[in-house]
Amino acid sequence: MSLYVHAAGQKVNIIESKIAGLGFLQAIIARMADNSFYIKGWDPTLFVAVVALKKDASQYSGYLLLALIVSTIAFCLLDAYYLQQERIFRKIYNYLAESNSESINYFSINPVLYKDILKGEMLSYRSSLISTSILLFHIPMFVAVFIFFVLF
């Protein structure tokens, strides 16, 4: 059983440290995925609320359209941000899970510390923004907003 001395002077089992650190990363990844899921729920909810409101406030339909466009764009950008963060932390998780080094602090999960392994197009904000999961949800939302305000 290999041990190393923690910053507080305590001896810590490396395997236990690795399992706990990877557990923290799994929780972060799950939180990012949950945030993305909630955004995908709020976007149509707001759309339906504005559709219900439009009938009573027809003189403000231009403002309602503008509010829906801005909120749909904001939800799309925020969704892409959470997807990017999820991808970054998955990459860190994979790196730490495969690592056998005794010098790694598994509780230090700041992405800045892993710049050398985080290089790549799949981790950029742009690639997250044009990913299938973002486009297949948010483009139909944009289309629905425009169709609703043009036809109704």
N, C-alpha and C. Protein backbone atom coordinates (compact mmCIF):
# COMPACT_ATOMS: atom_id res chain seq x y z
N MET A 1 0.86 -1.16 0.00
CA MET A 1 0.00 0.00 0.00
C MET A 1 0.90 1.23 0.00
N SER A 2 0.76 2.07 -1.03
CA SER A 2 1.61 3.23 -1.10
C SER A 2 0.93 4.43 -0.46
N LEU A 3 1.72 5.16 0.30
CA LEU A 3 1.23 6.33 1.01
C LEU A 3 2.04 7.54 0.59
N TYR A 4 1.43 8.69 0.69
CA TYR A 4 2.19 9.91 0.55
C TYR A 4 1.72 10.88 1.62
N VAL A 5 2.54 11.87 1.90
CA VAL A 5 2.22 12.82 2.96
C VAL A 5 1.40 13.95 2.37
N HIS A 6 0.24 14.16 2.92
CA HIS A 6 -0.67 15.23 2.52
C HIS A 6 -0.12 16.56 2.99
N ALA A 7 -0.57 17.65 2.43
CA ALA A 7 -0.10 18.99 2.80
C ALA A 7 -0.30 19.27 4.28
N ALA A 8 -1.31 18.66 4.88
CA ALA A 8 -1.57 18.87 6.31
C ALA A 8 -0.70 17.95 7.17
N GLY A 9 0.17 17.17 6.57
CA GLY A 9 1.07 16.30 7.32
C GLY A 9 0.51 14.92 7.57
N GLN A 10 -0.67 14.63 7.05
CA GLN A 10 -1.28 13.32 7.25
C GLN A 10 -0.85 12.37 6.14
N LYS A 11 -0.73 11.10 6.50
CA LYS A 11 -0.42 10.09 5.49
C LYS A 11 -1.74 9.64 4.86
N VAL A 12 -1.73 9.64 3.53
CA VAL A 12 -2.95 9.31 2.79
C VAL A 12 -2.65 8.20 1.81
N ASN A 13 -3.54 7.25 1.70
CA ASN A 13 -3.42 6.17 0.73
C ASN A 13 -3.69 6.74 -0.66
N ILE A 14 -2.82 6.45 -1.61
CA ILE A 14 -2.94 7.00 -2.95
C ILE A 14 -4.20 6.47 -3.64
N ILE A 15 -4.50 5.22 -3.48
CA ILE A 15 -5.69 4.64 -4.12
C ILE A 15 -6.96 5.30 -3.59
N GLU A 16 -7.03 5.46 -2.26
CA GLU A 16 -8.20 6.13 -1.68
C GLU A 16 -8.30 7.57 -2.14
N SER A 17 -7.17 8.23 -2.25
CA SER A 17 -7.13 9.60 -2.73
C SER A 17 -7.61 9.69 -4.18
N LYS A 18 -7.17 8.73 -4.98
CA LYS A 18 -7.56 8.72 -6.39
C LYS A 18 -9.06 8.48 -6.52
N ILE A 19 -9.59 7.54 -5.78
CA ILE A 19 -11.03 7.25 -5.83
C ILE A 19 -11.84 8.46 -5.39
N ALA A 20 -11.42 9.11 -4.32
CA ALA A 20 -12.15 10.28 -3.83
C ALA A 20 -12.07 11.44 -4.82
N GLY A 21 -10.87 11.68 -5.36
CA GLY A 21 -10.70 12.76 -6.33
C GLY A 21 -11.52 12.54 -7.59
N LEU A 22 -11.53 11.29 -8.07
CA LEU A 22 -12.34 10.97 -9.26
C LEU A 22 -13.83 11.08 -8.94
N GLY A 23 -14.22 10.80 -7.71
CA GLY A 23 -15.61 10.99 -7.30
C GLY A 23 -16.02 12.45 -7.36
N PHE A 24 -15.10 13.33 -6.93
CA PHE A 24 -15.38 14.76 -7.03
C PHE A 24 -15.57 15.17 -8.49
N LEU A 25 -14.70 14.65 -9.35
CA LEU A 25 -14.81 14.97 -10.77
C LEU A 25 -16.12 14.45 -11.37
N GLN A 26 -16.53 13.26 -10.97
CA GLN A 26 -17.80 12.72 -11.46
C GLN A 26 -18.96 13.62 -11.03
N ALA A 27 -18.91 14.15 -9.83
CA ALA A 27 -19.96 15.04 -9.35
C ALA A 27 -19.98 16.33 -10.16
N ILE A 28 -18.81 16.86 -10.50
CA ILE A 28 -18.74 18.08 -11.30
C ILE A 28 -19.30 17.82 -12.70
N ILE A 29 -18.92 16.72 -13.29
CA ILE A 29 -19.41 16.37 -14.63
C ILE A 29 -20.93 16.20 -14.61
N ALA A 30 -21.44 15.54 -13.60
CA ALA A 30 -22.90 15.36 -13.49
C ALA A 30 -23.60 16.70 -13.31
N ARG A 31 -23.01 17.61 -12.55
CA ARG A 31 -23.60 18.93 -12.34
C ARG A 31 -23.66 19.71 -13.66
N MET A 32 -22.60 19.63 -14.46
CA MET A 32 -22.59 20.31 -15.76
C MET A 32 -23.66 19.73 -16.68
N ALA A 33 -23.80 18.42 -16.69
CA ALA A 33 -24.83 17.78 -17.52
C ALA A 33 -26.23 18.16 -17.02
N ASP A 34 -26.41 18.23 -15.71
CA ASP A 34 -27.71 18.65 -15.16
C ASP A 34 -28.04 20.08 -15.55
N ASN A 35 -27.05 20.96 -15.48
CA ASN A 35 -27.29 22.35 -15.86
C ASN A 35 -27.72 22.46 -17.32
N SER A 36 -27.07 21.70 -18.18
CA SER A 36 -27.44 21.69 -19.59
C SER A 36 -28.87 21.17 -19.76
N PHE A 37 -29.22 20.14 -19.01
CA PHE A 37 -30.58 19.58 -19.06
C PHE A 37 -31.62 20.62 -18.61
N TYR A 38 -31.31 21.33 -17.54
CA TYR A 38 -32.25 22.35 -17.05
C TYR A 38 -32.45 23.48 -18.05
N ILE A 39 -31.37 23.86 -18.72
CA ILE A 39 -31.47 24.91 -19.74
C ILE A 39 -32.38 24.45 -20.86
N LYS A 40 -32.22 23.20 -21.26
CA LYS A 40 -33.06 22.67 -22.33
C LYS A 40 -34.51 22.55 -21.89
N GLY A 41 -34.77 22.57 -20.60
CA GLY A 41 -36.14 22.59 -20.10
C GLY A 41 -36.71 23.99 -19.98
N TRP A 42 -35.86 24.94 -19.61
CA TRP A 42 -36.33 26.31 -19.43
C TRP A 42 -36.64 27.00 -20.75
N ASP A 43 -35.91 26.69 -21.79
CA ASP A 43 -36.11 27.36 -23.08
C ASP A 43 -37.52 27.14 -23.62
N PRO A 44 -38.01 25.92 -23.76
CA PRO A 44 -39.39 25.76 -24.25
C PRO A 44 -40.44 26.24 -23.23
N THR A 45 -40.10 26.16 -21.95
CA THR A 45 -41.05 26.65 -20.94
C THR A 45 -41.27 28.14 -21.11
N LEU A 46 -40.22 28.89 -21.31
CA LEU A 46 -40.34 30.33 -21.53
C LEU A 46 -41.08 30.61 -22.82
N PHE A 47 -40.81 29.82 -23.84
CA PHE A 47 -41.51 29.99 -25.12
C PHE A 47 -43.02 29.80 -24.95
N VAL A 48 -43.43 28.77 -24.25
CA VAL A 48 -44.85 28.50 -24.03
C VAL A 48 -45.48 29.62 -23.19
N ALA A 49 -44.75 30.12 -22.21
CA ALA A 49 -45.27 31.21 -21.38
C ALA A 49 -45.50 32.47 -22.21
N VAL A 50 -44.58 32.77 -23.12
CA VAL A 50 -44.75 33.96 -23.97
C VAL A 50 -45.88 33.74 -24.97
N VAL A 51 -46.03 32.53 -25.47
CA VAL A 51 -47.14 32.22 -26.37
C VAL A 51 -48.46 32.46 -25.65
N ALA A 52 -48.56 32.06 -24.41
CA ALA A 52 -49.78 32.26 -23.64
C ALA A 52 -50.01 33.75 -23.36
N LEU A 53 -48.94 34.49 -23.17
CA LEU A 53 -49.03 35.91 -22.87
C LEU A 53 -49.33 36.74 -24.11
N LYS A 54 -48.92 36.27 -25.27
CA LYS A 54 -49.05 37.04 -26.51
C LYS A 54 -50.50 37.37 -26.83
N LYS A 55 -51.40 36.49 -26.53
CA LYS A 55 -52.81 36.71 -26.84
C LYS A 55 -53.36 37.92 -26.08
N ASP A 56 -52.95 38.07 -24.83
CA ASP A 56 -53.44 39.18 -24.01
C ASP A 56 -52.66 40.48 -24.25
N ALA A 57 -51.45 40.39 -24.77
CA ALA A 57 -50.61 41.57 -24.95
C ALA A 57 -50.16 41.67 -26.40
N SER A 58 -51.11 41.67 -27.31
CA SER A 58 -50.77 41.67 -28.74
C SER A 58 -50.08 42.96 -29.17
N GLN A 59 -50.35 44.08 -28.47
CA GLN A 59 -49.70 45.34 -28.84
C GLN A 59 -48.20 45.32 -28.52
N TYR A 60 -47.78 44.38 -27.70
CA TYR A 60 -46.37 44.26 -27.32
C TYR A 60 -45.68 43.08 -28.02
N SER A 61 -46.25 42.60 -29.10
CA SER A 61 -45.70 41.39 -29.72
C SER A 61 -44.27 41.59 -30.22
N GLY A 62 -43.92 42.79 -30.65
CA GLY A 62 -42.54 43.05 -31.07
C GLY A 62 -41.56 42.89 -29.92
N TYR A 63 -41.95 43.39 -28.75
CA TYR A 63 -41.10 43.25 -27.57
C TYR A 63 -41.02 41.80 -27.11
N LEU A 64 -42.14 41.11 -27.21
CA LEU A 64 -42.15 39.70 -26.83
C LEU A 64 -41.25 38.88 -27.76
N LEU A 65 -41.29 39.19 -29.06
CA LEU A 65 -40.42 38.50 -30.01
C LEU A 65 -38.95 38.77 -29.67
N LEU A 66 -38.64 40.02 -29.39
CA LEU A 66 -37.26 40.38 -29.04
C LEU A 66 -36.82 39.66 -27.76
N ALA A 67 -37.71 39.62 -26.77
CA ALA A 67 -37.38 38.93 -25.52
C ALA A 67 -37.14 37.43 -25.75
N LEU A 68 -37.96 36.83 -26.61
CA LEU A 68 -37.76 35.40 -26.90
C LEU A 68 -36.48 35.14 -27.67
N ILE A 69 -36.16 36.01 -28.60
CA ILE A 69 -34.93 35.83 -29.37
C ILE A 69 -33.72 35.96 -28.45
N VAL A 70 -33.72 36.99 -27.61
CA VAL A 70 -32.59 37.19 -26.69
C VAL A 70 -32.47 36.02 -25.71
N SER A 71 -33.60 35.58 -25.16
CA SER A 71 -33.52 34.47 -24.20
C SER A 71 -33.11 33.17 -24.88
N THR A 72 -33.57 32.92 -26.09
CA THR A 72 -33.18 31.70 -26.80
C THR A 72 -31.69 31.71 -27.13
N ILE A 73 -31.18 32.87 -27.53
CA ILE A 73 -29.74 32.98 -27.79
C ILE A 73 -28.95 32.78 -26.50
N ALA A 74 -29.42 33.40 -25.42
CA ALA A 74 -28.73 33.26 -24.13
C ALA A 74 -28.73 31.81 -23.66
N PHE A 75 -29.85 31.13 -23.79
CA PHE A 75 -29.92 29.72 -23.39
C PHE A 75 -28.99 28.87 -24.26
N CYS A 76 -28.93 29.16 -25.54
CA CYS A 76 -28.05 28.41 -26.45
C CYS A 76 -26.58 28.60 -26.06
N LEU A 77 -26.18 29.85 -25.81
CA LEU A 77 -24.80 30.13 -25.43
C LEU A 77 -24.44 29.50 -24.08
N LEU A 78 -25.37 29.57 -23.14
CA LEU A 78 -25.12 28.98 -21.83
C LEU A 78 -25.05 27.46 -21.91
N ASP A 79 -25.89 26.87 -22.72
CA ASP A 79 -25.87 25.42 -22.92
C ASP A 79 -24.52 24.99 -23.51
N ALA A 80 -24.02 25.75 -24.48
CA ALA A 80 -22.73 25.44 -25.09
C ALA A 80 -21.60 25.58 -24.06
N TYR A 81 -21.71 26.56 -23.18
CA TYR A 81 -20.70 26.74 -22.13
C TYR A 81 -20.66 25.52 -21.21
N TYR A 82 -21.82 25.06 -20.77
CA TYR A 82 -21.85 23.90 -19.88
C TYR A 82 -21.36 22.64 -20.59
N LEU A 83 -21.65 22.51 -21.88
CA LEU A 83 -21.13 21.37 -22.63
C LEU A 83 -19.61 21.44 -22.72
N GLN A 84 -19.07 22.63 -22.95
CA GLN A 84 -17.62 22.77 -23.00
C GLN A 84 -16.99 22.40 -21.66
N GLN A 85 -17.56 22.89 -20.57
CA GLN A 85 -17.02 22.58 -19.24
C GLN A 85 -17.11 21.08 -18.96
N GLU A 86 -18.20 20.47 -19.35
CA GLU A 86 -18.35 19.02 -19.16
C GLU A 86 -17.26 18.26 -19.92
N ARG A 87 -17.00 18.68 -21.16
CA ARG A 87 -15.96 18.02 -21.95
C ARG A 87 -14.58 18.19 -21.32
N ILE A 88 -14.30 19.39 -20.81
CA ILE A 88 -13.00 19.65 -20.17
C ILE A 88 -12.82 18.75 -18.95
N PHE A 89 -13.84 18.68 -18.10
CA PHE A 89 -13.71 17.87 -16.90
C PHE A 89 -13.71 16.37 -17.21
N ARG A 90 -14.35 15.96 -18.28
CA ARG A 90 -14.26 14.55 -18.70
C ARG A 90 -12.84 14.21 -19.13
N LYS A 91 -12.21 15.14 -19.83
CA LYS A 91 -10.83 14.93 -20.27
C LYS A 91 -9.90 14.83 -19.06
N ILE A 92 -10.09 15.71 -18.07
CA ILE A 92 -9.28 15.65 -16.85
C ILE A 92 -9.54 14.33 -16.12
N TYR A 93 -10.81 13.93 -16.06
CA TYR A 93 -11.16 12.66 -15.40
C TYR A 93 -10.44 11.50 -16.07
N ASN A 94 -10.49 11.44 -17.39
CA ASN A 94 -9.84 10.34 -18.12
C ASN A 94 -8.33 10.34 -17.88
N TYR A 95 -7.74 11.53 -17.86
CA TYR A 95 -6.29 11.63 -17.62
C TYR A 95 -5.95 11.12 -16.22
N LEU A 96 -6.69 11.56 -15.22
CA LEU A 96 -6.40 11.15 -13.85
C LEU A 96 -6.72 9.66 -13.61
N ALA A 97 -7.76 9.17 -14.26
CA ALA A 97 -8.12 7.75 -14.09
C ALA A 97 -7.04 6.84 -14.67
N GLU A 98 -6.42 7.25 -15.76
CA GLU A 98 -5.39 6.43 -16.40
C GLU A 98 -4.02 6.61 -15.76
N SER A 99 -3.84 7.67 -15.01
CA SER A 99 -2.53 7.99 -14.43
C SER A 99 -2.20 7.07 -13.26
N ASN A 100 -0.94 6.67 -13.20
CA ASN A 100 -0.46 5.84 -12.10
C ASN A 100 0.62 6.55 -11.30
N SER A 101 0.82 7.82 -11.56
CA SER A 101 1.87 8.58 -10.89
C SER A 101 1.51 8.83 -9.43
N GLU A 102 2.50 8.73 -8.57
CA GLU A 102 2.27 8.99 -7.15
C GLU A 102 2.40 10.47 -6.82
N SER A 103 2.83 11.27 -7.77
CA SER A 103 3.04 12.69 -7.50
C SER A 103 1.80 13.54 -7.83
N ILE A 104 0.76 12.94 -8.36
CA ILE A 104 -0.44 13.69 -8.73
C ILE A 104 -1.31 13.92 -7.51
N ASN A 105 -1.76 15.16 -7.37
CA ASN A 105 -2.73 15.49 -6.33
C ASN A 105 -4.12 15.37 -6.97
N TYR A 106 -4.85 14.34 -6.60
CA TYR A 106 -6.14 14.06 -7.23
C TYR A 106 -7.23 15.03 -6.80
N PHE A 107 -6.94 15.86 -5.82
CA PHE A 107 -7.93 16.84 -5.38
C PHE A 107 -7.70 18.20 -6.03
N SER A 108 -6.68 18.32 -6.83
CA SER A 108 -6.40 19.55 -7.56
C SER A 108 -6.94 19.38 -8.97
N ILE A 109 -8.14 19.89 -9.20
CA ILE A 109 -8.81 19.63 -10.48
C ILE A 109 -9.06 20.91 -11.28
N ASN A 110 -8.29 21.94 -11.00
CA ASN A 110 -8.41 23.18 -11.75
C ASN A 110 -7.96 22.95 -13.19
N PRO A 111 -8.82 23.23 -14.17
CA PRO A 111 -8.45 22.98 -15.57
C PRO A 111 -7.19 23.71 -16.03
N VAL A 112 -6.86 24.83 -15.42
CA VAL A 112 -5.65 25.56 -15.80
C VAL A 112 -4.40 24.72 -15.56
N LEU A 113 -4.45 23.87 -14.54
CA LEU A 113 -3.29 23.02 -14.23
C LEU A 113 -3.07 21.91 -15.26
N TYR A 114 -4.06 21.67 -16.10
CA TYR A 114 -3.98 20.58 -17.07
C TYR A 114 -3.98 21.10 -18.51
N LYS A 115 -3.45 22.30 -18.71
CA LYS A 115 -3.44 22.91 -20.05
C LYS A 115 -2.79 22.01 -21.10
N ASP A 116 -1.72 21.33 -20.72
CA ASP A 116 -1.00 20.51 -21.69
C ASP A 116 -1.84 19.34 -22.21
N ILE A 117 -2.73 18.79 -21.39
CA ILE A 117 -3.55 17.66 -21.86
C ILE A 117 -4.90 18.13 -22.40
N LEU A 118 -5.25 19.40 -22.19
CA LEU A 118 -6.56 19.90 -22.63
C LEU A 118 -6.52 20.52 -24.02
N LYS A 119 -5.42 20.40 -24.72
CA LYS A 119 -5.34 20.96 -26.07
C LYS A 119 -6.22 20.15 -27.00
N GLY A 120 -6.85 20.83 -27.92
CA GLY A 120 -7.66 20.11 -28.90
C GLY A 120 -8.90 20.88 -29.28
N GLU A 121 -9.36 20.65 -30.48
CA GLU A 121 -10.54 21.34 -31.00
C GLU A 121 -11.82 20.97 -30.29
N MET A 122 -11.93 19.75 -29.81
CA MET A 122 -13.17 19.30 -29.17
C MET A 122 -13.45 20.03 -27.87
N LEU A 123 -12.46 20.71 -27.32
CA LEU A 123 -12.65 21.37 -26.04
C LEU A 123 -12.89 22.87 -26.18
N SER A 124 -12.88 23.38 -27.40
CA SER A 124 -13.09 24.81 -27.59
C SER A 124 -14.57 25.15 -27.48
N TYR A 125 -14.82 26.40 -27.16
CA TYR A 125 -16.21 26.86 -27.04
C TYR A 125 -16.92 26.77 -28.39
N ARG A 126 -16.21 27.07 -29.44
CA ARG A 126 -16.80 27.04 -30.78
C ARG A 126 -17.27 25.62 -31.14
N SER A 127 -16.45 24.62 -30.83
CA SER A 127 -16.85 23.25 -31.15
C SER A 127 -18.06 22.82 -30.32
N SER A 128 -18.14 23.33 -29.09
CA SER A 128 -19.32 23.03 -28.26
C SER A 128 -20.56 23.71 -28.82
N LEU A 129 -20.38 24.93 -29.31
CA LEU A 129 -21.51 25.69 -29.83
C LEU A 129 -22.09 25.08 -31.09
N ILE A 130 -21.26 24.44 -31.89
CA ILE A 130 -21.77 23.84 -33.13
C ILE A 130 -21.92 22.32 -33.02
N SER A 131 -21.95 21.82 -31.79
CA SER A 131 -22.12 20.38 -31.61
C SER A 131 -23.56 19.97 -31.93
N THR A 132 -23.72 18.72 -32.20
CA THR A 132 -25.03 18.19 -32.58
C THR A 132 -26.07 18.38 -31.48
N SER A 133 -25.66 18.14 -30.23
CA SER A 133 -26.64 18.25 -29.14
C SER A 133 -27.13 19.68 -28.94
N ILE A 134 -26.33 20.65 -29.28
CA ILE A 134 -26.75 22.05 -29.16
C ILE A 134 -27.60 22.44 -30.37
N LEU A 135 -27.11 22.15 -31.55
CA LEU A 135 -27.80 22.58 -32.77
C LEU A 135 -29.16 21.90 -32.95
N LEU A 136 -29.24 20.61 -32.66
CA LEU A 136 -30.51 19.89 -32.87
C LEU A 136 -31.60 20.31 -31.89
N PHE A 137 -31.23 20.99 -30.82
CA PHE A 137 -32.24 21.48 -29.89
C PHE A 137 -32.55 22.95 -30.12
N HIS A 138 -31.53 23.78 -30.24
CA HIS A 138 -31.75 25.22 -30.24
C HIS A 138 -32.16 25.78 -31.60
N ILE A 139 -31.74 25.17 -32.70
CA ILE A 139 -32.20 25.66 -34.01
C ILE A 139 -33.71 25.47 -34.17
N PRO A 140 -34.28 24.32 -33.82
CA PRO A 140 -35.74 24.23 -33.88
C PRO A 140 -36.45 25.22 -32.95
N MET A 141 -35.81 25.59 -31.84
CA MET A 141 -36.40 26.60 -30.97
C MET A 141 -36.44 27.96 -31.68
N PHE A 142 -35.35 28.32 -32.37
CA PHE A 142 -35.33 29.56 -33.13
C PHE A 142 -36.40 29.54 -34.22
N VAL A 143 -36.50 28.43 -34.91
CA VAL A 143 -37.50 28.29 -35.98
C VAL A 143 -38.91 28.41 -35.40
N ALA A 144 -39.16 27.78 -34.27
CA ALA A 144 -40.47 27.85 -33.64
C ALA A 144 -40.82 29.28 -33.23
N VAL A 145 -39.84 30.01 -32.71
CA VAL A 145 -40.08 31.41 -32.32
C VAL A 145 -40.47 32.22 -33.53
N PHE A 146 -39.74 32.11 -34.62
CA PHE A 146 -40.03 32.90 -35.81
C PHE A 146 -41.35 32.47 -36.46
N ILE A 147 -41.58 31.19 -36.54
CA ILE A 147 -42.84 30.72 -37.14
C ILE A 147 -44.03 31.21 -36.33
N PHE A 148 -43.95 31.11 -35.04
CA PHE A 148 -45.06 31.54 -34.21
C PHE A 148 -45.35 33.02 -34.38
N PHE A 149 -44.33 33.86 -34.41
CA PHE A 149 -44.56 35.29 -34.50
C PHE A 149 -44.89 35.75 -35.91
N VAL A 150 -44.53 34.99 -36.93
CA VAL A 150 -44.88 35.37 -38.29
C VAL A 150 -46.30 34.89 -38.63
N LEU A 151 -46.63 33.69 -38.24
CA LEU A 151 -47.94 33.11 -38.59
C LEU A 151 -49.06 33.49 -37.65
N PHE A 152 -48.73 33.77 -36.41
CA PHE A 152 -49.79 34.05 -35.45
C PHE A 152 -49.65 35.45 -34.98
